[in-house]
Amino acid sequence: IASKGWKLADDWKKKANGIAPTIVG
């Protein structure tokens, strides 16, 4: 997510603080 220099990536990391629901194909 931070690979292109997003200034708020650190903040996003803290907010995305759970695991994913089931990935469905």
PDBML (XML) file of the C-alpha atoms, coordinates in Angstrom:
<?xml version="1.0" encoding="UTF-8" ?>
<PDBx:datablock datablockName="MODEL"
   xmlns:PDBx="http://pdbml.pdb.org/schema/pdbx-v50.xsd"
   xmlns:xsi="http://www.w3.org/2001/XMLSchema-instance"
   xsi:schemaLocation="http://pdbml.pdb.org/schema/pdbx-v50.xsd pdbx-v50.xsd">
   <PDBx:atom_siteCategory>
      <PDBx:atom_site id="1">
         <PDBx:B_iso_or_equiv>0.00</PDBx:B_iso_or_equiv>
         <PDBx:Cartn_x>0.000</PDBx:Cartn_x>
         <PDBx:Cartn_y>0.000</PDBx:Cartn_y>
         <PDBx:Cartn_z>0.000</PDBx:Cartn_z>
         <PDBx:auth_asym_id>A</PDBx:auth_asym_id>
         <PDBx:auth_atom_id>CA</PDBx:auth_atom_id>
         <PDBx:auth_comp_id>ILE</PDBx:auth_comp_id>
         <PDBx:auth_seq_id>1</PDBx:auth_seq_id>
         <PDBx:group_PDB>ATOM</PDBx:group_PDB>
         <PDBx:label_alt_id xsi:nil="true" />
         <PDBx:label_asym_id>A</PDBx:label_asym_id>
         <PDBx:label_atom_id>CA</PDBx:label_atom_id>
         <PDBx:label_comp_id>ILE</PDBx:label_comp_id>
         <PDBx:label_entity_id>1</PDBx:label_entity_id>
         <PDBx:label_seq_id>1</PDBx:label_seq_id>
         <PDBx:occupancy>1.00</PDBx:occupancy>
         <PDBx:pdbx_PDB_model_num>1</PDBx:pdbx_PDB_model_num>
         <PDBx:type_symbol>C</PDBx:type_symbol>
      </PDBx:atom_site>
      <PDBx:atom_site id="2">
         <PDBx:B_iso_or_equiv>0.00</PDBx:B_iso_or_equiv>
         <PDBx:Cartn_x>2.866</PDBx:Cartn_x>
         <PDBx:Cartn_y>2.382</PDBx:Cartn_y>
         <PDBx:Cartn_z>0.811</PDBx:Cartn_z>
         <PDBx:auth_asym_id>A</PDBx:auth_asym_id>
         <PDBx:auth_atom_id>CA</PDBx:auth_atom_id>
         <PDBx:auth_comp_id>ALA</PDBx:auth_comp_id>
         <PDBx:auth_seq_id>2</PDBx:auth_seq_id>
         <PDBx:group_PDB>ATOM</PDBx:group_PDB>
         <PDBx:label_alt_id xsi:nil="true" />
         <PDBx:label_asym_id>A</PDBx:label_asym_id>
         <PDBx:label_atom_id>CA</PDBx:label_atom_id>
         <PDBx:label_comp_id>ALA</PDBx:label_comp_id>
         <PDBx:label_entity_id>1</PDBx:label_entity_id>
         <PDBx:label_seq_id>2</PDBx:label_seq_id>
         <PDBx:occupancy>1.00</PDBx:occupancy>
         <PDBx:pdbx_PDB_model_num>1</PDBx:pdbx_PDB_model_num>
         <PDBx:type_symbol>C</PDBx:type_symbol>
      </PDBx:atom_site>
      <PDBx:atom_site id="3">
         <PDBx:B_iso_or_equiv>0.00</PDBx:B_iso_or_equiv>
         <PDBx:Cartn_x>4.978</PDBx:Cartn_x>
         <PDBx:Cartn_y>1.453</PDBx:Cartn_y>
         <PDBx:Cartn_z>-2.214</PDBx:Cartn_z>
         <PDBx:auth_asym_id>A</PDBx:auth_asym_id>
         <PDBx:auth_atom_id>CA</PDBx:auth_atom_id>
         <PDBx:auth_comp_id>SER</PDBx:auth_comp_id>
         <PDBx:auth_seq_id>3</PDBx:auth_seq_id>
         <PDBx:group_PDB>ATOM</PDBx:group_PDB>
         <PDBx:label_alt_id xsi:nil="true" />
         <PDBx:label_asym_id>A</PDBx:label_asym_id>
         <PDBx:label_atom_id>CA</PDBx:label_atom_id>
         <PDBx:label_comp_id>SER</PDBx:label_comp_id>
         <PDBx:label_entity_id>1</PDBx:label_entity_id>
         <PDBx:label_seq_id>3</PDBx:label_seq_id>
         <PDBx:occupancy>1.00</PDBx:occupancy>
         <PDBx:pdbx_PDB_model_num>1</PDBx:pdbx_PDB_model_num>
         <PDBx:type_symbol>C</PDBx:type_symbol>
      </PDBx:atom_site>
      <PDBx:atom_site id="4">
         <PDBx:B_iso_or_equiv>0.00</PDBx:B_iso_or_equiv>
         <PDBx:Cartn_x>4.152</PDBx:Cartn_x>
         <PDBx:Cartn_y>4.670</PDBx:Cartn_y>
         <PDBx:Cartn_z>-4.104</PDBx:Cartn_z>
         <PDBx:auth_asym_id>A</PDBx:auth_asym_id>
         <PDBx:auth_atom_id>CA</PDBx:auth_atom_id>
         <PDBx:auth_comp_id>LYS</PDBx:auth_comp_id>
         <PDBx:auth_seq_id>4</PDBx:auth_seq_id>
         <PDBx:group_PDB>ATOM</PDBx:group_PDB>
         <PDBx:label_alt_id xsi:nil="true" />
         <PDBx:label_asym_id>A</PDBx:label_asym_id>
         <PDBx:label_atom_id>CA</PDBx:label_atom_id>
         <PDBx:label_comp_id>LYS</PDBx:label_comp_id>
         <PDBx:label_entity_id>1</PDBx:label_entity_id>
         <PDBx:label_seq_id>4</PDBx:label_seq_id>
         <PDBx:occupancy>1.00</PDBx:occupancy>
         <PDBx:pdbx_PDB_model_num>1</PDBx:pdbx_PDB_model_num>
         <PDBx:type_symbol>C</PDBx:type_symbol>
      </PDBx:atom_site>
      <PDBx:atom_site id="5">
         <PDBx:B_iso_or_equiv>0.00</PDBx:B_iso_or_equiv>
         <PDBx:Cartn_x>4.754</PDBx:Cartn_x>
         <PDBx:Cartn_y>7.012</PDBx:Cartn_y>
         <PDBx:Cartn_z>-1.208</PDBx:Cartn_z>
         <PDBx:auth_asym_id>A</PDBx:auth_asym_id>
         <PDBx:auth_atom_id>CA</PDBx:auth_atom_id>
         <PDBx:auth_comp_id>GLY</PDBx:auth_comp_id>
         <PDBx:auth_seq_id>5</PDBx:auth_seq_id>
         <PDBx:group_PDB>ATOM</PDBx:group_PDB>
         <PDBx:label_alt_id xsi:nil="true" />
         <PDBx:label_asym_id>A</PDBx:label_asym_id>
         <PDBx:label_atom_id>CA</PDBx:label_atom_id>
         <PDBx:label_comp_id>GLY</PDBx:label_comp_id>
         <PDBx:label_entity_id>1</PDBx:label_entity_id>
         <PDBx:label_seq_id>5</PDBx:label_seq_id>
         <PDBx:occupancy>1.00</PDBx:occupancy>
         <PDBx:pdbx_PDB_model_num>1</PDBx:pdbx_PDB_model_num>
         <PDBx:type_symbol>C</PDBx:type_symbol>
      </PDBx:atom_site>
      <PDBx:atom_site id="6">
         <PDBx:B_iso_or_equiv>0.00</PDBx:B_iso_or_equiv>
         <PDBx:Cartn_x>1.228</PDBx:Cartn_x>
         <PDBx:Cartn_y>7.544</PDBx:Cartn_y>
         <PDBx:Cartn_z>0.151</PDBx:Cartn_z>
         <PDBx:auth_asym_id>A</PDBx:auth_asym_id>
         <PDBx:auth_atom_id>CA</PDBx:auth_atom_id>
         <PDBx:auth_comp_id>TRP</PDBx:auth_comp_id>
         <PDBx:auth_seq_id>6</PDBx:auth_seq_id>
         <PDBx:group_PDB>ATOM</PDBx:group_PDB>
         <PDBx:label_alt_id xsi:nil="true" />
         <PDBx:label_asym_id>A</PDBx:label_asym_id>
         <PDBx:label_atom_id>CA</PDBx:label_atom_id>
         <PDBx:label_comp_id>TRP</PDBx:label_comp_id>
         <PDBx:label_entity_id>1</PDBx:label_entity_id>
         <PDBx:label_seq_id>6</PDBx:label_seq_id>
         <PDBx:occupancy>1.00</PDBx:occupancy>
         <PDBx:pdbx_PDB_model_num>1</PDBx:pdbx_PDB_model_num>
         <PDBx:type_symbol>C</PDBx:type_symbol>
      </PDBx:atom_site>
      <PDBx:atom_site id="7">
         <PDBx:B_iso_or_equiv>0.00</PDBx:B_iso_or_equiv>
         <PDBx:Cartn_x>1.641</PDBx:Cartn_x>
         <PDBx:Cartn_y>10.064</PDBx:Cartn_y>
         <PDBx:Cartn_z>2.986</PDBx:Cartn_z>
         <PDBx:auth_asym_id>A</PDBx:auth_asym_id>
         <PDBx:auth_atom_id>CA</PDBx:auth_atom_id>
         <PDBx:auth_comp_id>LYS</PDBx:auth_comp_id>
         <PDBx:auth_seq_id>7</PDBx:auth_seq_id>
         <PDBx:group_PDB>ATOM</PDBx:group_PDB>
         <PDBx:label_alt_id xsi:nil="true" />
         <PDBx:label_asym_id>A</PDBx:label_asym_id>
         <PDBx:label_atom_id>CA</PDBx:label_atom_id>
         <PDBx:label_comp_id>LYS</PDBx:label_comp_id>
         <PDBx:label_entity_id>1</PDBx:label_entity_id>
         <PDBx:label_seq_id>7</PDBx:label_seq_id>
         <PDBx:occupancy>1.00</PDBx:occupancy>
         <PDBx:pdbx_PDB_model_num>1</PDBx:pdbx_PDB_model_num>
         <PDBx:type_symbol>C</PDBx:type_symbol>
      </PDBx:atom_site>
      <PDBx:atom_site id="8">
         <PDBx:B_iso_or_equiv>0.00</PDBx:B_iso_or_equiv>
         <PDBx:Cartn_x>-1.138</PDBx:Cartn_x>
         <PDBx:Cartn_y>8.524</PDBx:Cartn_y>
         <PDBx:Cartn_z>5.078</PDBx:Cartn_z>
         <PDBx:auth_asym_id>A</PDBx:auth_asym_id>
         <PDBx:auth_atom_id>CA</PDBx:auth_atom_id>
         <PDBx:auth_comp_id>LEU</PDBx:auth_comp_id>
         <PDBx:auth_seq_id>8</PDBx:auth_seq_id>
         <PDBx:group_PDB>ATOM</PDBx:group_PDB>
         <PDBx:label_alt_id xsi:nil="true" />
         <PDBx:label_asym_id>A</PDBx:label_asym_id>
         <PDBx:label_atom_id>CA</PDBx:label_atom_id>
         <PDBx:label_comp_id>LEU</PDBx:label_comp_id>
         <PDBx:label_entity_id>1</PDBx:label_entity_id>
         <PDBx:label_seq_id>8</PDBx:label_seq_id>
         <PDBx:occupancy>1.00</PDBx:occupancy>
         <PDBx:pdbx_PDB_model_num>1</PDBx:pdbx_PDB_model_num>
         <PDBx:type_symbol>C</PDBx:type_symbol>
      </PDBx:atom_site>
      <PDBx:atom_site id="9">
         <PDBx:B_iso_or_equiv>0.00</PDBx:B_iso_or_equiv>
         <PDBx:Cartn_x>-0.061</PDBx:Cartn_x>
         <PDBx:Cartn_y>4.889</PDBx:Cartn_y>
         <PDBx:Cartn_z>4.729</PDBx:Cartn_z>
         <PDBx:auth_asym_id>A</PDBx:auth_asym_id>
         <PDBx:auth_atom_id>CA</PDBx:auth_atom_id>
         <PDBx:auth_comp_id>ALA</PDBx:auth_comp_id>
         <PDBx:auth_seq_id>9</PDBx:auth_seq_id>
         <PDBx:group_PDB>ATOM</PDBx:group_PDB>
         <PDBx:label_alt_id xsi:nil="true" />
         <PDBx:label_asym_id>A</PDBx:label_asym_id>
         <PDBx:label_atom_id>CA</PDBx:label_atom_id>
         <PDBx:label_comp_id>ALA</PDBx:label_comp_id>
         <PDBx:label_entity_id>1</PDBx:label_entity_id>
         <PDBx:label_seq_id>9</PDBx:label_seq_id>
         <PDBx:occupancy>1.00</PDBx:occupancy>
         <PDBx:pdbx_PDB_model_num>1</PDBx:pdbx_PDB_model_num>
         <PDBx:type_symbol>C</PDBx:type_symbol>
      </PDBx:atom_site>
      <PDBx:atom_site id="10">
         <PDBx:B_iso_or_equiv>0.00</PDBx:B_iso_or_equiv>
         <PDBx:Cartn_x>1.059</PDBx:Cartn_x>
         <PDBx:Cartn_y>4.680</PDBx:Cartn_y>
         <PDBx:Cartn_z>8.369</PDBx:Cartn_z>
         <PDBx:auth_asym_id>A</PDBx:auth_asym_id>
         <PDBx:auth_atom_id>CA</PDBx:auth_atom_id>
         <PDBx:auth_comp_id>ASP</PDBx:auth_comp_id>
         <PDBx:auth_seq_id>10</PDBx:auth_seq_id>
         <PDBx:group_PDB>ATOM</PDBx:group_PDB>
         <PDBx:label_alt_id xsi:nil="true" />
         <PDBx:label_asym_id>A</PDBx:label_asym_id>
         <PDBx:label_atom_id>CA</PDBx:label_atom_id>
         <PDBx:label_comp_id>ASP</PDBx:label_comp_id>
         <PDBx:label_entity_id>1</PDBx:label_entity_id>
         <PDBx:label_seq_id>10</PDBx:label_seq_id>
         <PDBx:occupancy>1.00</PDBx:occupancy>
         <PDBx:pdbx_PDB_model_num>1</PDBx:pdbx_PDB_model_num>
         <PDBx:type_symbol>C</PDBx:type_symbol>
      </PDBx:atom_site>
      <PDBx:atom_site id="11">
         <PDBx:B_iso_or_equiv>0.00</PDBx:B_iso_or_equiv>
         <PDBx:Cartn_x>-2.322</PDBx:Cartn_x>
         <PDBx:Cartn_y>5.939</PDBx:Cartn_y>
         <PDBx:Cartn_z>9.515</PDBx:Cartn_z>
         <PDBx:auth_asym_id>A</PDBx:auth_asym_id>
         <PDBx:auth_atom_id>CA</PDBx:auth_atom_id>
         <PDBx:auth_comp_id>ASP</PDBx:auth_comp_id>
         <PDBx:auth_seq_id>11</PDBx:auth_seq_id>
         <PDBx:group_PDB>ATOM</PDBx:group_PDB>
         <PDBx:label_alt_id xsi:nil="true" />
         <PDBx:label_asym_id>A</PDBx:label_asym_id>
         <PDBx:label_atom_id>CA</PDBx:label_atom_id>
         <PDBx:label_comp_id>ASP</PDBx:label_comp_id>
         <PDBx:label_entity_id>1</PDBx:label_entity_id>
         <PDBx:label_seq_id>11</PDBx:label_seq_id>
         <PDBx:occupancy>1.00</PDBx:occupancy>
         <PDBx:pdbx_PDB_model_num>1</PDBx:pdbx_PDB_model_num>
         <PDBx:type_symbol>C</PDBx:type_symbol>
      </PDBx:atom_site>
      <PDBx:atom_site id="12">
         <PDBx:B_iso_or_equiv>0.00</PDBx:B_iso_or_equiv>
         <PDBx:Cartn_x>-4.085</PDBx:Cartn_x>
         <PDBx:Cartn_y>3.439</PDBx:Cartn_y>
         <PDBx:Cartn_z>7.226</PDBx:Cartn_z>
         <PDBx:auth_asym_id>A</PDBx:auth_asym_id>
         <PDBx:auth_atom_id>CA</PDBx:auth_atom_id>
         <PDBx:auth_comp_id>TRP</PDBx:auth_comp_id>
         <PDBx:auth_seq_id>12</PDBx:auth_seq_id>
         <PDBx:group_PDB>ATOM</PDBx:group_PDB>
         <PDBx:label_alt_id xsi:nil="true" />
         <PDBx:label_asym_id>A</PDBx:label_asym_id>
         <PDBx:label_atom_id>CA</PDBx:label_atom_id>
         <PDBx:label_comp_id>TRP</PDBx:label_comp_id>
         <PDBx:label_entity_id>1</PDBx:label_entity_id>
         <PDBx:label_seq_id>12</PDBx:label_seq_id>
         <PDBx:occupancy>1.00</PDBx:occupancy>
         <PDBx:pdbx_PDB_model_num>1</PDBx:pdbx_PDB_model_num>
         <PDBx:type_symbol>C</PDBx:type_symbol>
      </PDBx:atom_site>
      <PDBx:atom_site id="13">
         <PDBx:B_iso_or_equiv>0.00</PDBx:B_iso_or_equiv>
         <PDBx:Cartn_x>-2.000</PDBx:Cartn_x>
         <PDBx:Cartn_y>0.600</PDBx:Cartn_y>
         <PDBx:Cartn_z>8.675</PDBx:Cartn_z>
         <PDBx:auth_asym_id>A</PDBx:auth_asym_id>
         <PDBx:auth_atom_id>CA</PDBx:auth_atom_id>
         <PDBx:auth_comp_id>LYS</PDBx:auth_comp_id>
         <PDBx:auth_seq_id>13</PDBx:auth_seq_id>
         <PDBx:group_PDB>ATOM</PDBx:group_PDB>
         <PDBx:label_alt_id xsi:nil="true" />
         <PDBx:label_asym_id>A</PDBx:label_asym_id>
         <PDBx:label_atom_id>CA</PDBx:label_atom_id>
         <PDBx:label_comp_id>LYS</PDBx:label_comp_id>
         <PDBx:label_entity_id>1</PDBx:label_entity_id>
         <PDBx:label_seq_id>13</PDBx:label_seq_id>
         <PDBx:occupancy>1.00</PDBx:occupancy>
         <PDBx:pdbx_PDB_model_num>1</PDBx:pdbx_PDB_model_num>
         <PDBx:type_symbol>C</PDBx:type_symbol>
      </PDBx:atom_site>
      <PDBx:atom_site id="14">
         <PDBx:B_iso_or_equiv>0.00</PDBx:B_iso_or_equiv>
         <PDBx:Cartn_x>-3.307</PDBx:Cartn_x>
         <PDBx:Cartn_y>1.390</PDBx:Cartn_y>
         <PDBx:Cartn_z>12.162</PDBx:Cartn_z>
         <PDBx:auth_asym_id>A</PDBx:auth_asym_id>
         <PDBx:auth_atom_id>CA</PDBx:auth_atom_id>
         <PDBx:auth_comp_id>LYS</PDBx:auth_comp_id>
         <PDBx:auth_seq_id>14</PDBx:auth_seq_id>
         <PDBx:group_PDB>ATOM</PDBx:group_PDB>
         <PDBx:label_alt_id xsi:nil="true" />
         <PDBx:label_asym_id>A</PDBx:label_asym_id>
         <PDBx:label_atom_id>CA</PDBx:label_atom_id>
         <PDBx:label_comp_id>LYS</PDBx:label_comp_id>
         <PDBx:label_entity_id>1</PDBx:label_entity_id>
         <PDBx:label_seq_id>14</PDBx:label_seq_id>
         <PDBx:occupancy>1.00</PDBx:occupancy>
         <PDBx:pdbx_PDB_model_num>1</PDBx:pdbx_PDB_model_num>
         <PDBx:type_symbol>C</PDBx:type_symbol>
      </PDBx:atom_site>
      <PDBx:atom_site id="15">
         <PDBx:B_iso_or_equiv>0.00</PDBx:B_iso_or_equiv>
         <PDBx:Cartn_x>-6.923</PDBx:Cartn_x>
         <PDBx:Cartn_y>1.575</PDBx:Cartn_y>
         <PDBx:Cartn_z>10.977</PDBx:Cartn_z>
         <PDBx:auth_asym_id>A</PDBx:auth_asym_id>
         <PDBx:auth_atom_id>CA</PDBx:auth_atom_id>
         <PDBx:auth_comp_id>LYS</PDBx:auth_comp_id>
         <PDBx:auth_seq_id>15</PDBx:auth_seq_id>
         <PDBx:group_PDB>ATOM</PDBx:group_PDB>
         <PDBx:label_alt_id xsi:nil="true" />
         <PDBx:label_asym_id>A</PDBx:label_asym_id>
         <PDBx:label_atom_id>CA</PDBx:label_atom_id>
         <PDBx:label_comp_id>LYS</PDBx:label_comp_id>
         <PDBx:label_entity_id>1</PDBx:label_entity_id>
         <PDBx:label_seq_id>15</PDBx:label_seq_id>
         <PDBx:occupancy>1.00</PDBx:occupancy>
         <PDBx:pdbx_PDB_model_num>1</PDBx:pdbx_PDB_model_num>
         <PDBx:type_symbol>C</PDBx:type_symbol>
      </PDBx:atom_site>
      <PDBx:atom_site id="16">
         <PDBx:B_iso_or_equiv>0.00</PDBx:B_iso_or_equiv>
         <PDBx:Cartn_x>-6.783</PDBx:Cartn_x>
         <PDBx:Cartn_y>-1.682</PDBx:Cartn_y>
         <PDBx:Cartn_z>8.994</PDBx:Cartn_z>
         <PDBx:auth_asym_id>A</PDBx:auth_asym_id>
         <PDBx:auth_atom_id>CA</PDBx:auth_atom_id>
         <PDBx:auth_comp_id>ALA</PDBx:auth_comp_id>
         <PDBx:auth_seq_id>16</PDBx:auth_seq_id>
         <PDBx:group_PDB>ATOM</PDBx:group_PDB>
         <PDBx:label_alt_id xsi:nil="true" />
         <PDBx:label_asym_id>A</PDBx:label_asym_id>
         <PDBx:label_atom_id>CA</PDBx:label_atom_id>
         <PDBx:label_comp_id>ALA</PDBx:label_comp_id>
         <PDBx:label_entity_id>1</PDBx:label_entity_id>
         <PDBx:label_seq_id>16</PDBx:label_seq_id>
         <PDBx:occupancy>1.00</PDBx:occupancy>
         <PDBx:pdbx_PDB_model_num>1</PDBx:pdbx_PDB_model_num>
         <PDBx:type_symbol>C</PDBx:type_symbol>
      </PDBx:atom_site>
      <PDBx:atom_site id="17">
         <PDBx:B_iso_or_equiv>0.00</PDBx:B_iso_or_equiv>
         <PDBx:Cartn_x>-6.434</PDBx:Cartn_x>
         <PDBx:Cartn_y>-3.515</PDBx:Cartn_y>
         <PDBx:Cartn_z>12.297</PDBx:Cartn_z>
         <PDBx:auth_asym_id>A</PDBx:auth_asym_id>
         <PDBx:auth_atom_id>CA</PDBx:auth_atom_id>
         <PDBx:auth_comp_id>ASN</PDBx:auth_comp_id>
         <PDBx:auth_seq_id>17</PDBx:auth_seq_id>
         <PDBx:group_PDB>ATOM</PDBx:group_PDB>
         <PDBx:label_alt_id xsi:nil="true" />
         <PDBx:label_asym_id>A</PDBx:label_asym_id>
         <PDBx:label_atom_id>CA</PDBx:label_atom_id>
         <PDBx:label_comp_id>ASN</PDBx:label_comp_id>
         <PDBx:label_entity_id>1</PDBx:label_entity_id>
         <PDBx:label_seq_id>17</PDBx:label_seq_id>
         <PDBx:occupancy>1.00</PDBx:occupancy>
         <PDBx:pdbx_PDB_model_num>1</PDBx:pdbx_PDB_model_num>
         <PDBx:type_symbol>C</PDBx:type_symbol>
      </PDBx:atom_site>
      <PDBx:atom_site id="18">
         <PDBx:B_iso_or_equiv>0.00</PDBx:B_iso_or_equiv>
         <PDBx:Cartn_x>-8.284</PDBx:Cartn_x>
         <PDBx:Cartn_y>-6.777</PDBx:Cartn_y>
         <PDBx:Cartn_z>11.656</PDBx:Cartn_z>
         <PDBx:auth_asym_id>A</PDBx:auth_asym_id>
         <PDBx:auth_atom_id>CA</PDBx:auth_atom_id>
         <PDBx:auth_comp_id>GLY</PDBx:auth_comp_id>
         <PDBx:auth_seq_id>18</PDBx:auth_seq_id>
         <PDBx:group_PDB>ATOM</PDBx:group_PDB>
         <PDBx:label_alt_id xsi:nil="true" />
         <PDBx:label_asym_id>A</PDBx:label_asym_id>
         <PDBx:label_atom_id>CA</PDBx:label_atom_id>
         <PDBx:label_comp_id>GLY</PDBx:label_comp_id>
         <PDBx:label_entity_id>1</PDBx:label_entity_id>
         <PDBx:label_seq_id>18</PDBx:label_seq_id>
         <PDBx:occupancy>1.00</PDBx:occupancy>
         <PDBx:pdbx_PDB_model_num>1</PDBx:pdbx_PDB_model_num>
         <PDBx:type_symbol>C</PDBx:type_symbol>
      </PDBx:atom_site>
      <PDBx:atom_site id="19">
         <PDBx:B_iso_or_equiv>0.00</PDBx:B_iso_or_equiv>
         <PDBx:Cartn_x>-8.128</PDBx:Cartn_x>
         <PDBx:Cartn_y>-9.793</PDBx:Cartn_y>
         <PDBx:Cartn_z>9.366</PDBx:Cartn_z>
         <PDBx:auth_asym_id>A</PDBx:auth_asym_id>
         <PDBx:auth_atom_id>CA</PDBx:auth_atom_id>
         <PDBx:auth_comp_id>ILE</PDBx:auth_comp_id>
         <PDBx:auth_seq_id>19</PDBx:auth_seq_id>
         <PDBx:group_PDB>ATOM</PDBx:group_PDB>
         <PDBx:label_alt_id xsi:nil="true" />
         <PDBx:label_asym_id>A</PDBx:label_asym_id>
         <PDBx:label_atom_id>CA</PDBx:label_atom_id>
         <PDBx:label_comp_id>ILE</PDBx:label_comp_id>
         <PDBx:label_entity_id>1</PDBx:label_entity_id>
         <PDBx:label_seq_id>19</PDBx:label_seq_id>
         <PDBx:occupancy>1.00</PDBx:occupancy>
         <PDBx:pdbx_PDB_model_num>1</PDBx:pdbx_PDB_model_num>
         <PDBx:type_symbol>C</PDBx:type_symbol>
      </PDBx:atom_site>
      <PDBx:atom_site id="20">
         <PDBx:B_iso_or_equiv>0.00</PDBx:B_iso_or_equiv>
         <PDBx:Cartn_x>-10.006</PDBx:Cartn_x>
         <PDBx:Cartn_y>-10.093</PDBx:Cartn_y>
         <PDBx:Cartn_z>6.087</PDBx:Cartn_z>
         <PDBx:auth_asym_id>A</PDBx:auth_asym_id>
         <PDBx:auth_atom_id>CA</PDBx:auth_atom_id>
         <PDBx:auth_comp_id>ALA</PDBx:auth_comp_id>
         <PDBx:auth_seq_id>20</PDBx:auth_seq_id>
         <PDBx:group_PDB>ATOM</PDBx:group_PDB>
         <PDBx:label_alt_id xsi:nil="true" />
         <PDBx:label_asym_id>A</PDBx:label_asym_id>
         <PDBx:label_atom_id>CA</PDBx:label_atom_id>
         <PDBx:label_comp_id>ALA</PDBx:label_comp_id>
         <PDBx:label_entity_id>1</PDBx:label_entity_id>
         <PDBx:label_seq_id>20</PDBx:label_seq_id>
         <PDBx:occupancy>1.00</PDBx:occupancy>
         <PDBx:pdbx_PDB_model_num>1</PDBx:pdbx_PDB_model_num>
         <PDBx:type_symbol>C</PDBx:type_symbol>
      </PDBx:atom_site>
      <PDBx:atom_site id="21">
         <PDBx:B_iso_or_equiv>0.00</PDBx:B_iso_or_equiv>
         <PDBx:Cartn_x>-13.421</PDBx:Cartn_x>
         <PDBx:Cartn_y>-11.603</PDBx:Cartn_y>
         <PDBx:Cartn_z>5.465</PDBx:Cartn_z>
         <PDBx:auth_asym_id>A</PDBx:auth_asym_id>
         <PDBx:auth_atom_id>CA</PDBx:auth_atom_id>
         <PDBx:auth_comp_id>PRO</PDBx:auth_comp_id>
         <PDBx:auth_seq_id>21</PDBx:auth_seq_id>
         <PDBx:group_PDB>ATOM</PDBx:group_PDB>
         <PDBx:label_alt_id xsi:nil="true" />
         <PDBx:label_asym_id>A</PDBx:label_asym_id>
         <PDBx:label_atom_id>CA</PDBx:label_atom_id>
         <PDBx:label_comp_id>PRO</PDBx:label_comp_id>
         <PDBx:label_entity_id>1</PDBx:label_entity_id>
         <PDBx:label_seq_id>21</PDBx:label_seq_id>
         <PDBx:occupancy>1.00</PDBx:occupancy>
         <PDBx:pdbx_PDB_model_num>1</PDBx:pdbx_PDB_model_num>
         <PDBx:type_symbol>C</PDBx:type_symbol>
      </PDBx:atom_site>
      <PDBx:atom_site id="22">
         <PDBx:B_iso_or_equiv>0.00</PDBx:B_iso_or_equiv>
         <PDBx:Cartn_x>-13.444</PDBx:Cartn_x>
         <PDBx:Cartn_y>-14.625</PDBx:Cartn_y>
         <PDBx:Cartn_z>3.167</PDBx:Cartn_z>
         <PDBx:auth_asym_id>A</PDBx:auth_asym_id>
         <PDBx:auth_atom_id>CA</PDBx:auth_atom_id>
         <PDBx:auth_comp_id>THR</PDBx:auth_comp_id>
         <PDBx:auth_seq_id>22</PDBx:auth_seq_id>
         <PDBx:group_PDB>ATOM</PDBx:group_PDB>
         <PDBx:label_alt_id xsi:nil="true" />
         <PDBx:label_asym_id>A</PDBx:label_asym_id>
         <PDBx:label_atom_id>CA</PDBx:label_atom_id>
         <PDBx:label_comp_id>THR</PDBx:label_comp_id>
         <PDBx:label_entity_id>1</PDBx:label_entity_id>
         <PDBx:label_seq_id>22</PDBx:label_seq_id>
         <PDBx:occupancy>1.00</PDBx:occupancy>
         <PDBx:pdbx_PDB_model_num>1</PDBx:pdbx_PDB_model_num>
         <PDBx:type_symbol>C</PDBx:type_symbol>
      </PDBx:atom_site>
      <PDBx:atom_site id="23">
         <PDBx:B_iso_or_equiv>0.00</PDBx:B_iso_or_equiv>
         <PDBx:Cartn_x>-11.921</PDBx:Cartn_x>
         <PDBx:Cartn_y>-13.953</PDBx:Cartn_y>
         <PDBx:Cartn_z>-0.243</PDBx:Cartn_z>
         <PDBx:auth_asym_id>A</PDBx:auth_asym_id>
         <PDBx:auth_atom_id>CA</PDBx:auth_atom_id>
         <PDBx:auth_comp_id>ILE</PDBx:auth_comp_id>
         <PDBx:auth_seq_id>23</PDBx:auth_seq_id>
         <PDBx:group_PDB>ATOM</PDBx:group_PDB>
         <PDBx:label_alt_id xsi:nil="true" />
         <PDBx:label_asym_id>A</PDBx:label_asym_id>
         <PDBx:label_atom_id>CA</PDBx:label_atom_id>
         <PDBx:label_comp_id>ILE</PDBx:label_comp_id>
         <PDBx:label_entity_id>1</PDBx:label_entity_id>
         <PDBx:label_seq_id>23</PDBx:label_seq_id>
         <PDBx:occupancy>1.00</PDBx:occupancy>
         <PDBx:pdbx_PDB_model_num>1</PDBx:pdbx_PDB_model_num>
         <PDBx:type_symbol>C</PDBx:type_symbol>
      </PDBx:atom_site>
      <PDBx:atom_site id="24">
         <PDBx:B_iso_or_equiv>0.00</PDBx:B_iso_or_equiv>
         <PDBx:Cartn_x>-14.382</PDBx:Cartn_x>
         <PDBx:Cartn_y>-15.223</PDBx:Cartn_y>
         <PDBx:Cartn_z>-2.852</PDBx:Cartn_z>
         <PDBx:auth_asym_id>A</PDBx:auth_asym_id>
         <PDBx:auth_atom_id>CA</PDBx:auth_atom_id>
         <PDBx:auth_comp_id>VAL</PDBx:auth_comp_id>
         <PDBx:auth_seq_id>24</PDBx:auth_seq_id>
         <PDBx:group_PDB>ATOM</PDBx:group_PDB>
         <PDBx:label_alt_id xsi:nil="true" />
         <PDBx:label_asym_id>A</PDBx:label_asym_id>
         <PDBx:label_atom_id>CA</PDBx:label_atom_id>
         <PDBx:label_comp_id>VAL</PDBx:label_comp_id>
         <PDBx:label_entity_id>1</PDBx:label_entity_id>
         <PDBx:label_seq_id>24</PDBx:label_seq_id>
         <PDBx:occupancy>1.00</PDBx:occupancy>
         <PDBx:pdbx_PDB_model_num>1</PDBx:pdbx_PDB_model_num>
         <PDBx:type_symbol>C</PDBx:type_symbol>
      </PDBx:atom_site>
      <PDBx:atom_site id="25">
         <PDBx:B_iso_or_equiv>0.00</PDBx:B_iso_or_equiv>
         <PDBx:Cartn_x>-13.524</PDBx:Cartn_x>
         <PDBx:Cartn_y>-16.150</PDBx:Cartn_y>
         <PDBx:Cartn_z>-6.409</PDBx:Cartn_z>
         <PDBx:auth_asym_id>A</PDBx:auth_asym_id>
         <PDBx:auth_atom_id>CA</PDBx:auth_atom_id>
         <PDBx:auth_comp_id>GLY</PDBx:auth_comp_id>
         <PDBx:auth_seq_id>25</PDBx:auth_seq_id>
         <PDBx:group_PDB>ATOM</PDBx:group_PDB>
         <PDBx:label_alt_id xsi:nil="true" />
         <PDBx:label_asym_id>A</PDBx:label_asym_id>
         <PDBx:label_atom_id>CA</PDBx:label_atom_id>
         <PDBx:label_comp_id>GLY</PDBx:label_comp_id>
         <PDBx:label_entity_id>1</PDBx:label_entity_id>
         <PDBx:label_seq_id>25</PDBx:label_seq_id>
         <PDBx:occupancy>1.00</PDBx:occupancy>
         <PDBx:pdbx_PDB_model_num>1</PDBx:pdbx_PDB_model_num>
         <PDBx:type_symbol>C</PDBx:type_symbol>
      </PDBx:atom_site>
   </PDBx:atom_siteCategory>
</PDBx:datablock>
